[in-house]
């Protein structure tokens, strides 16, 4: 097993379903089993515990002393497997969104031309105009101070407003 083997197994378990990946991430964030997102709710079995019956005292017959509540387990083996697969997949995904087990494999090496080769290419750059406006505002604020005494920006933030025609 090479690095990222768990991610490959998780990829096979979850498949190429972005929706399933998103649902598993939401379930993990909420701390619930994925099947609860799909409409399932755990049931609770109530078991009554009856008092000792005295045959000559009919009022004691079928008298409930207490009720034992037994909830159904939320996480069964399949739900745990799904959550573990989602964690393994998240841990094996690089900042570029591809599996590290693929991007670091021999097949991804640009000098490899054997069976199963793959290539990765970059597109861009792209500009996030709201982030650019924020960083420009930070730069403008810093420019107000002398170079030898930069401002302490700890705890400071800038709000970006959207304006339209």
N, C-alpha and C. Protein backbone atom coordinates (compact mmCIF):
# COMPACT_ATOMS: atom_id res chain seq x y z
N UNK A 1 0.84 -1.18 0.00
CA UNK A 1 0.00 0.00 0.00
C UNK A 1 0.88 1.24 0.00
N UNK A 2 0.68 2.09 -0.97
CA UNK A 2 1.45 3.32 -1.07
C UNK A 2 0.78 4.44 -0.32
N UNK A 3 1.37 5.64 -0.39
CA UNK A 3 0.75 6.77 0.26
C UNK A 3 -0.58 7.08 -0.39
N UNK A 4 -1.56 7.36 0.41
CA UNK A 4 -2.87 7.71 -0.12
C UNK A 4 -3.72 6.52 -0.49
N UNK A 5 -3.34 5.30 -0.10
CA UNK A 5 -4.13 4.13 -0.45
C UNK A 5 -5.56 4.23 0.10
N UNK A 6 -5.69 4.78 1.30
CA UNK A 6 -7.02 4.92 1.90
C UNK A 6 -7.90 5.82 1.06
N UNK A 7 -7.31 6.83 0.44
CA UNK A 7 -8.08 7.72 -0.42
C UNK A 7 -8.60 7.02 -1.66
N UNK A 8 -7.81 6.11 -2.21
CA UNK A 8 -8.25 5.35 -3.39
C UNK A 8 -9.41 4.44 -3.01
N UNK A 9 -9.30 3.77 -1.87
CA UNK A 9 -10.38 2.91 -1.39
C UNK A 9 -11.63 3.74 -1.14
N UNK A 10 -11.47 4.91 -0.53
CA UNK A 10 -12.61 5.77 -0.26
C UNK A 10 -13.23 6.26 -1.56
N UNK A 11 -12.41 6.57 -2.54
CA UNK A 11 -12.91 7.01 -3.85
C UNK A 11 -13.79 5.93 -4.46
N UNK A 12 -13.37 4.67 -4.33
CA UNK A 12 -14.18 3.56 -4.86
C UNK A 12 -15.47 3.41 -4.07
N UNK A 13 -15.41 3.65 -2.75
CA UNK A 13 -16.59 3.48 -1.88
C UNK A 13 -17.62 4.57 -2.16
N UNK A 14 -17.16 5.79 -2.30
CA UNK A 14 -18.08 6.91 -2.48
C UNK A 14 -18.41 7.11 -3.96
N UNK A 15 -17.47 6.84 -4.84
CA UNK A 15 -17.71 7.00 -6.26
C UNK A 15 -17.49 8.44 -6.69
N UNK A 16 -17.96 8.73 -7.87
CA UNK A 16 -17.78 10.07 -8.43
C UNK A 16 -18.98 10.95 -8.19
N UNK A 17 -19.62 10.79 -7.07
CA UNK A 17 -20.83 11.55 -6.77
C UNK A 17 -20.49 12.78 -5.92
N UNK A 18 -20.42 13.97 -6.53
CA UNK A 18 -20.17 15.17 -5.72
C UNK A 18 -21.26 15.41 -4.68
N UNK A 19 -22.51 15.04 -5.02
CA UNK A 19 -23.60 15.24 -4.07
C UNK A 19 -23.40 14.37 -2.83
N UNK A 20 -23.00 13.11 -3.03
CA UNK A 20 -22.76 12.23 -1.88
C UNK A 20 -21.63 12.77 -1.03
N UNK A 21 -20.57 13.27 -1.66
CA UNK A 21 -19.46 13.86 -0.90
C UNK A 21 -19.95 15.05 -0.08
N UNK A 22 -20.78 15.90 -0.69
CA UNK A 22 -21.30 17.06 0.03
C UNK A 22 -22.21 16.64 1.17
N UNK A 23 -23.04 15.62 0.95
CA UNK A 23 -23.93 15.14 2.01
C UNK A 23 -23.14 14.54 3.17
N UNK A 24 -22.09 13.81 2.85
CA UNK A 24 -21.25 13.25 3.91
C UNK A 24 -20.53 14.34 4.69
N UNK A 25 -20.09 15.38 3.99
CA UNK A 25 -19.45 16.50 4.68
C UNK A 25 -20.45 17.21 5.58
N UNK A 26 -21.68 17.40 5.10
CA UNK A 26 -22.72 18.05 5.91
C UNK A 26 -23.05 17.19 7.13
N UNK A 27 -23.17 15.89 6.94
CA UNK A 27 -23.46 14.99 8.07
C UNK A 27 -22.35 15.05 9.11
N UNK A 28 -21.10 15.06 8.65
CA UNK A 28 -19.97 15.14 9.58
C UNK A 28 -19.98 16.47 10.33
N UNK A 29 -20.29 17.55 9.62
CA UNK A 29 -20.34 18.87 10.25
C UNK A 29 -21.43 18.92 11.32
N UNK A 30 -22.56 18.28 11.03
CA UNK A 30 -23.70 18.29 11.97
C UNK A 30 -23.57 17.22 13.05
N UNK A 31 -22.66 16.25 12.86
CA UNK A 31 -22.50 15.18 13.84
C UNK A 31 -23.61 14.16 13.81
N UNK A 32 -24.18 13.94 12.63
CA UNK A 32 -25.27 12.97 12.50
C UNK A 32 -24.90 11.93 11.45
N UNK A 33 -25.62 10.83 11.45
CA UNK A 33 -25.40 9.79 10.45
C UNK A 33 -25.95 10.29 9.11
N UNK A 34 -25.28 9.95 8.01
CA UNK A 34 -25.76 10.41 6.70
C UNK A 34 -27.19 10.00 6.40
N UNK A 35 -27.61 8.83 6.87
CA UNK A 35 -28.96 8.38 6.55
C UNK A 35 -30.04 9.28 7.16
N UNK A 36 -29.69 10.06 8.18
CA UNK A 36 -30.68 11.01 8.72
C UNK A 36 -30.94 12.14 7.72
N UNK A 37 -29.94 12.47 6.92
CA UNK A 37 -30.17 13.46 5.85
C UNK A 37 -31.11 12.90 4.79
N UNK A 38 -31.15 11.59 4.68
CA UNK A 38 -31.96 10.93 3.66
C UNK A 38 -33.34 10.55 4.18
N UNK A 39 -33.71 11.07 5.37
CA UNK A 39 -35.07 10.88 5.88
C UNK A 39 -35.24 9.85 6.97
N UNK A 40 -34.21 9.11 7.31
CA UNK A 40 -34.33 8.10 8.35
C UNK A 40 -34.24 8.74 9.72
N UNK A 41 -35.02 8.28 10.66
CA UNK A 41 -34.94 8.72 12.05
C UNK A 41 -34.87 7.49 12.94
N UNK A 42 -34.05 7.52 13.98
CA UNK A 42 -33.96 6.35 14.86
C UNK A 42 -35.25 6.14 15.63
N UNK A 43 -35.61 4.89 15.81
CA UNK A 43 -36.81 4.57 16.59
C UNK A 43 -36.40 4.25 18.02
N UNK A 44 -37.37 4.33 18.91
CA UNK A 44 -37.13 4.02 20.31
C UNK A 44 -38.12 2.95 20.74
N UNK A 45 -37.63 1.89 21.34
CA UNK A 45 -38.50 0.81 21.82
C UNK A 45 -38.73 1.02 23.31
N UNK A 46 -39.99 1.09 23.67
CA UNK A 46 -40.37 1.26 25.08
C UNK A 46 -40.83 -0.09 25.62
N UNK A 47 -40.19 -0.55 26.68
CA UNK A 47 -40.53 -1.84 27.30
C UNK A 47 -41.04 -1.58 28.71
N UNK A 48 -42.31 -1.88 28.95
CA UNK A 48 -42.85 -1.66 30.29
C UNK A 48 -42.36 -2.73 31.28
N UNK A 49 -42.14 -2.32 32.51
CA UNK A 49 -41.79 -3.24 33.60
C UNK A 49 -42.97 -3.19 34.57
N UNK A 50 -43.57 -4.37 34.75
CA UNK A 50 -44.78 -4.44 35.56
C UNK A 50 -44.47 -4.75 37.02
N UNK A 51 -45.40 -4.34 37.89
CA UNK A 51 -45.29 -4.62 39.33
C UNK A 51 -45.57 -6.10 39.57
N UNK A 52 -45.14 -6.56 40.74
CA UNK A 52 -45.48 -7.94 41.11
C UNK A 52 -46.99 -8.04 41.25
N UNK A 53 -47.49 -9.07 40.62
CA UNK A 53 -48.95 -9.26 40.63
C UNK A 53 -49.33 -10.15 41.81
N UNK A 54 -50.32 -9.67 42.54
CA UNK A 54 -50.88 -10.47 43.64
C UNK A 54 -52.28 -10.86 43.19
N UNK A 55 -52.53 -12.17 43.10
CA UNK A 55 -53.76 -12.63 42.46
C UNK A 55 -55.02 -12.19 43.19
N UNK A 56 -54.94 -11.96 44.50
CA UNK A 56 -56.14 -11.56 45.22
C UNK A 56 -56.34 -10.04 45.25
N UNK A 57 -55.34 -9.29 44.63
CA UNK A 57 -55.48 -7.83 44.54
C UNK A 57 -55.54 -7.43 43.07
N UNK A 58 -56.70 -7.40 42.48
CA UNK A 58 -56.81 -7.13 41.03
C UNK A 58 -56.24 -5.77 40.62
N UNK A 59 -56.21 -4.81 41.52
CA UNK A 59 -55.67 -3.48 41.14
C UNK A 59 -54.16 -3.51 40.87
N UNK A 60 -53.47 -4.60 41.29
CA UNK A 60 -52.03 -4.71 41.00
C UNK A 60 -51.77 -5.38 39.65
N UNK A 61 -52.80 -5.93 39.07
CA UNK A 61 -52.60 -6.61 37.80
C UNK A 61 -52.27 -5.58 36.72
N UNK A 62 -51.20 -5.85 35.95
CA UNK A 62 -50.77 -5.01 34.82
C UNK A 62 -50.44 -3.58 35.24
N UNK A 63 -49.99 -3.40 36.47
CA UNK A 63 -49.58 -2.07 36.92
C UNK A 63 -48.13 -1.83 36.48
N UNK A 64 -47.88 -0.77 35.70
CA UNK A 64 -46.55 -0.47 35.18
C UNK A 64 -45.76 0.29 36.24
N UNK A 65 -44.61 -0.27 36.60
CA UNK A 65 -43.72 0.41 37.54
C UNK A 65 -42.87 1.46 36.83
N UNK A 66 -42.30 1.06 35.70
CA UNK A 66 -41.44 1.96 34.93
C UNK A 66 -41.39 1.45 33.50
N UNK A 67 -40.83 2.29 32.65
CA UNK A 67 -40.68 1.93 31.25
C UNK A 67 -39.21 2.07 30.88
N UNK A 68 -38.66 1.07 30.23
CA UNK A 68 -37.27 1.10 29.78
C UNK A 68 -37.26 1.56 28.33
N UNK A 69 -36.50 2.60 28.07
CA UNK A 69 -36.41 3.18 26.74
C UNK A 69 -35.10 2.72 26.09
N UNK A 70 -35.20 2.10 24.91
CA UNK A 70 -34.03 1.60 24.19
C UNK A 70 -34.00 2.23 22.80
N UNK A 71 -33.17 3.28 22.61
CA UNK A 71 -33.12 3.91 21.28
C UNK A 71 -32.30 3.07 20.30
N UNK A 72 -32.70 3.14 19.04
CA UNK A 72 -31.96 2.46 17.98
C UNK A 72 -30.65 3.21 17.74
N UNK A 73 -29.60 2.46 17.47
CA UNK A 73 -28.29 3.09 17.22
C UNK A 73 -28.36 3.90 15.92
N UNK A 74 -27.85 5.12 15.98
CA UNK A 74 -27.86 5.99 14.79
C UNK A 74 -26.82 5.55 13.78
N UNK A 75 -25.65 5.17 14.26
CA UNK A 75 -24.56 4.79 13.37
C UNK A 75 -24.44 3.27 13.32
N UNK A 76 -24.83 2.69 12.20
CA UNK A 76 -24.57 1.28 12.00
C UNK A 76 -23.25 1.15 11.24
N UNK A 77 -22.88 -0.08 10.91
CA UNK A 77 -21.58 -0.31 10.28
C UNK A 77 -21.48 0.40 8.93
N UNK A 78 -22.56 0.41 8.16
CA UNK A 78 -22.52 1.08 6.85
C UNK A 78 -22.32 2.58 6.99
N UNK A 79 -22.98 3.20 7.96
CA UNK A 79 -22.85 4.64 8.16
C UNK A 79 -21.43 5.00 8.61
N UNK A 80 -20.86 4.19 9.48
CA UNK A 80 -19.49 4.43 9.92
C UNK A 80 -18.53 4.28 8.75
N UNK A 81 -18.74 3.26 7.91
CA UNK A 81 -17.90 3.06 6.73
C UNK A 81 -17.97 4.26 5.80
N UNK A 82 -19.17 4.79 5.58
CA UNK A 82 -19.32 5.97 4.73
C UNK A 82 -18.59 7.17 5.29
N UNK A 83 -18.73 7.39 6.60
CA UNK A 83 -18.06 8.54 7.22
C UNK A 83 -16.54 8.38 7.19
N UNK A 84 -16.04 7.18 7.44
CA UNK A 84 -14.60 6.94 7.38
C UNK A 84 -14.08 7.11 5.96
N UNK A 85 -14.86 6.67 4.98
CA UNK A 85 -14.46 6.86 3.58
C UNK A 85 -14.40 8.34 3.23
N UNK A 86 -15.36 9.11 3.74
CA UNK A 86 -15.36 10.56 3.46
C UNK A 86 -14.15 11.23 4.11
N UNK A 87 -13.80 10.83 5.31
CA UNK A 87 -12.62 11.40 5.99
C UNK A 87 -11.35 11.03 5.23
N UNK A 88 -11.24 9.77 4.82
CA UNK A 88 -10.05 9.34 4.08
C UNK A 88 -9.95 10.08 2.75
N UNK A 89 -11.08 10.29 2.10
CA UNK A 89 -11.08 11.01 0.83
C UNK A 89 -10.67 12.47 1.04
N UNK A 90 -11.18 13.09 2.10
CA UNK A 90 -10.82 14.49 2.39
C UNK A 90 -9.33 14.60 2.71
N UNK A 91 -8.81 13.64 3.46
CA UNK A 91 -7.38 13.68 3.81
C UNK A 91 -6.48 13.41 2.63
N UNK A 92 -6.99 12.71 1.62
CA UNK A 92 -6.18 12.38 0.45
C UNK A 92 -6.39 13.38 -0.69
N UNK A 93 -7.14 14.44 -0.46
CA UNK A 93 -7.39 15.43 -1.50
C UNK A 93 -6.49 16.63 -1.26
N UNK A 94 -5.74 16.99 -2.31
CA UNK A 94 -4.83 18.14 -2.21
C UNK A 94 -5.58 19.46 -2.34
N UNK A 95 -4.87 20.55 -2.16
CA UNK A 95 -5.47 21.88 -2.27
C UNK A 95 -5.98 22.17 -3.67
N UNK A 96 -5.57 21.40 -4.64
CA UNK A 96 -5.99 21.57 -6.02
C UNK A 96 -7.26 20.80 -6.32
N UNK A 97 -7.75 19.99 -5.36
CA UNK A 97 -9.00 19.26 -5.55
C UNK A 97 -8.84 17.87 -6.12
N UNK A 98 -7.62 17.42 -6.39
CA UNK A 98 -7.38 16.08 -6.93
C UNK A 98 -6.81 15.19 -5.84
N UNK A 99 -7.01 13.87 -6.01
CA UNK A 99 -6.47 12.91 -5.04
C UNK A 99 -4.96 12.92 -5.08
N UNK A 100 -4.35 13.03 -3.91
CA UNK A 100 -2.89 13.01 -3.83
C UNK A 100 -2.34 11.65 -4.27
N UNK A 101 -3.11 10.60 -4.04
CA UNK A 101 -2.68 9.28 -4.47
C UNK A 101 -2.58 9.21 -5.99
N UNK A 102 -3.34 10.03 -6.71
CA UNK A 102 -3.22 10.09 -8.17
C UNK A 102 -2.14 11.07 -8.59
N UNK A 103 -2.13 12.26 -7.98
CA UNK A 103 -1.19 13.29 -8.43
C UNK A 103 0.26 12.96 -8.09
N UNK A 104 0.48 12.08 -7.11
CA UNK A 104 1.85 11.72 -6.75
C UNK A 104 2.23 10.34 -7.29
N UNK A 105 1.36 9.73 -8.07
CA UNK A 105 1.66 8.39 -8.59
C UNK A 105 2.62 8.46 -9.77
N UNK A 106 3.17 7.33 -10.09
CA UNK A 106 4.08 7.23 -11.23
C UNK A 106 3.36 7.57 -12.53
N UNK A 107 2.08 7.28 -12.60
CA UNK A 107 1.30 7.53 -13.82
C UNK A 107 1.11 9.02 -14.09
N UNK A 108 1.26 9.86 -13.07
CA UNK A 108 1.11 11.30 -13.25
C UNK A 108 2.42 11.98 -13.62
N UNK A 109 3.51 11.25 -13.55
CA UNK A 109 4.82 11.79 -13.90
C UNK A 109 4.83 12.16 -15.39
N UNK A 110 5.18 13.40 -15.73
CA UNK A 110 5.17 13.80 -17.14
C UNK A 110 6.12 12.98 -18.01
N UNK A 111 7.09 12.30 -17.42
CA UNK A 111 8.02 11.47 -18.19
C UNK A 111 7.54 10.04 -18.36
N UNK A 112 6.37 9.71 -17.81
CA UNK A 112 5.83 8.36 -17.90
C UNK A 112 4.88 8.28 -19.08
N UNK A 113 5.09 7.31 -19.97
CA UNK A 113 4.23 7.14 -21.14
C UNK A 113 3.69 5.72 -21.24
N UNK A 114 3.73 4.99 -20.13
CA UNK A 114 3.22 3.62 -20.11
C UNK A 114 1.70 3.60 -20.03
N UNK A 115 1.16 2.41 -19.84
CA UNK A 115 -0.30 2.31 -19.75
C UNK A 115 -0.83 3.02 -18.50
N UNK A 116 -1.96 3.67 -18.66
CA UNK A 116 -2.61 4.35 -17.54
C UNK A 116 -2.04 5.72 -17.22
N UNK A 117 -1.33 6.34 -18.17
CA UNK A 117 -0.73 7.65 -17.89
C UNK A 117 -1.82 8.70 -17.72
N UNK A 118 -1.52 9.72 -16.98
CA UNK A 118 -2.43 10.86 -16.79
C UNK A 118 -1.60 12.13 -16.70
N UNK A 119 -2.20 13.23 -17.05
CA UNK A 119 -1.52 14.52 -16.99
C UNK A 119 -2.41 15.52 -16.27
N UNK A 120 -1.76 16.45 -15.62
CA UNK A 120 -2.46 17.53 -14.94
C UNK A 120 -1.97 18.85 -15.52
N UNK A 121 -2.88 19.74 -15.80
CA UNK A 121 -2.53 21.05 -16.33
C UNK A 121 -3.25 22.13 -15.55
N UNK A 122 -2.66 23.29 -15.50
CA UNK A 122 -3.25 24.40 -14.75
C UNK A 122 -3.93 25.39 -15.71
N UNK A 123 -4.99 26.00 -15.24
CA UNK A 123 -5.65 27.08 -15.96
C UNK A 123 -5.63 28.31 -15.06
N UNK A 124 -5.69 29.45 -15.67
CA UNK A 124 -5.74 30.66 -14.86
C UNK A 124 -4.62 31.59 -15.22
N UNK A 125 -4.34 32.58 -14.50
CA UNK A 125 -4.93 32.89 -13.19
C UNK A 125 -6.32 33.51 -13.32
N UNK A 126 -7.08 33.39 -12.27
CA UNK A 126 -8.40 33.97 -12.19
C UNK A 126 -8.37 35.00 -11.06
N UNK A 127 -9.19 36.01 -11.16
CA UNK A 127 -9.20 37.07 -10.15
C UNK A 127 -10.49 37.03 -9.35
N UNK A 128 -10.34 36.95 -8.05
CA UNK A 128 -11.46 37.10 -7.13
C UNK A 128 -11.52 38.60 -6.82
N UNK A 129 -12.42 39.30 -7.46
CA UNK A 129 -12.44 40.76 -7.38
C UNK A 129 -12.77 41.26 -5.99
N UNK A 130 -13.58 40.55 -5.25
CA UNK A 130 -13.89 40.96 -3.88
C UNK A 130 -12.64 40.82 -3.00
N UNK A 131 -11.89 39.73 -3.16
CA UNK A 131 -10.66 39.54 -2.38
C UNK A 131 -9.62 40.57 -2.78
N UNK A 132 -9.57 40.91 -4.07
CA UNK A 132 -8.63 41.94 -4.54
C UNK A 132 -8.97 43.29 -3.91
N UNK A 133 -10.26 43.62 -3.84
CA UNK A 133 -10.67 44.89 -3.22
C UNK A 133 -10.28 44.92 -1.75
N UNK A 134 -10.43 43.80 -1.06
CA UNK A 134 -10.06 43.73 0.36
C UNK A 134 -8.55 43.90 0.54
N UNK A 135 -7.77 43.19 -0.27
CA UNK A 135 -6.32 43.30 -0.15
C UNK A 135 -5.82 44.69 -0.56
N UNK A 136 -6.47 45.31 -1.55
CA UNK A 136 -6.12 46.68 -1.92
C UNK A 136 -6.39 47.64 -0.76
N UNK A 137 -7.50 47.42 -0.04
CA UNK A 137 -7.83 48.27 1.11
C UNK A 137 -6.79 48.08 2.23
N UNK A 138 -6.35 46.85 2.44
CA UNK A 138 -5.33 46.58 3.46
C UNK A 138 -4.03 47.28 3.06
N UNK A 139 -3.65 47.18 1.77
CA UNK A 139 -2.43 47.85 1.29
C UNK A 139 -2.53 49.36 1.45
N UNK A 140 -3.70 49.93 1.15
CA UNK A 140 -3.89 51.38 1.30
C UNK A 140 -3.78 51.80 2.76
N UNK A 141 -4.30 50.97 3.67
CA UNK A 141 -4.21 51.27 5.09
C UNK A 141 -2.75 51.22 5.55
N UNK A 142 -2.01 50.20 5.12
CA UNK A 142 -0.60 50.07 5.49
C UNK A 142 0.23 51.23 4.96
N UNK A 143 -0.13 51.75 3.79
CA UNK A 143 0.63 52.84 3.17
C UNK A 143 0.54 54.14 3.97
N UNK A 144 -0.45 54.25 4.86
CA UNK A 144 -0.61 55.45 5.67
C UNK A 144 0.45 55.54 6.77
N UNK A 145 1.16 54.46 7.02
CA UNK A 145 2.13 54.41 8.10
C UNK A 145 3.54 54.39 7.52
N UNK A 146 4.51 54.88 8.30
CA UNK A 146 5.90 54.83 7.80
C UNK A 146 6.38 53.38 7.66
N UNK A 147 7.32 53.18 6.76
CA UNK A 147 7.83 51.83 6.47
C UNK A 147 8.48 51.20 7.70
N UNK A 148 9.12 51.99 8.55
CA UNK A 148 9.81 51.44 9.71
C UNK A 148 8.88 51.18 10.90
N UNK A 149 7.60 51.58 10.80
CA UNK A 149 6.63 51.34 11.89
C UNK A 149 5.31 50.84 11.29
N UNK A 150 5.30 49.61 10.78
CA UNK A 150 4.07 49.10 10.17
C UNK A 150 2.97 48.92 11.22
N UNK A 151 1.71 49.03 10.81
CA UNK A 151 0.61 48.88 11.77
C UNK A 151 0.42 47.42 12.19
N UNK A 152 -0.08 47.24 13.38
CA UNK A 152 -0.43 45.91 13.87
C UNK A 152 -1.85 45.61 13.37
N UNK A 153 -1.99 44.64 12.47
CA UNK A 153 -3.29 44.32 11.87
C UNK A 153 -4.00 43.17 12.58
N UNK A 154 -3.46 42.73 13.70
CA UNK A 154 -4.11 41.64 14.44
C UNK A 154 -5.52 42.05 14.83
N UNK A 155 -6.47 41.22 14.49
CA UNK A 155 -7.87 41.47 14.85
C UNK A 155 -8.59 42.42 13.93
N UNK A 156 -7.91 42.99 12.96
CA UNK A 156 -8.56 43.93 12.04
C UNK A 156 -9.11 43.19 10.83
N UNK A 157 -10.22 43.67 10.30
CA UNK A 157 -10.76 43.10 9.08
C UNK A 157 -11.47 44.17 8.30
N UNK A 158 -11.67 43.90 7.02
CA UNK A 158 -12.34 44.83 6.13
C UNK A 158 -13.57 44.16 5.59
N UNK A 159 -14.67 44.90 5.54
CA UNK A 159 -15.92 44.39 4.99
C UNK A 159 -16.01 44.83 3.53
N UNK A 160 -16.34 43.92 2.66
CA UNK A 160 -16.45 44.24 1.24
C UNK A 160 -17.94 44.35 0.91
N UNK A 161 -18.31 45.51 0.39
CA UNK A 161 -19.69 45.76 -0.02
C UNK A 161 -19.83 45.58 -1.51
N UNK A 162 -20.93 45.02 -1.92
CA UNK A 162 -21.22 44.83 -3.33
C UNK A 162 -22.10 45.97 -3.79
N UNK A 163 -21.70 46.64 -4.84
CA UNK A 163 -22.51 47.70 -5.43
C UNK A 163 -22.80 47.36 -6.88
N UNK A 164 -23.94 47.76 -7.36
CA UNK A 164 -24.35 47.47 -8.74
C UNK A 164 -24.94 48.71 -9.37
N UNK A 165 -25.11 48.65 -10.70
CA UNK A 165 -25.77 49.75 -11.42
C UNK A 165 -27.20 49.87 -10.98
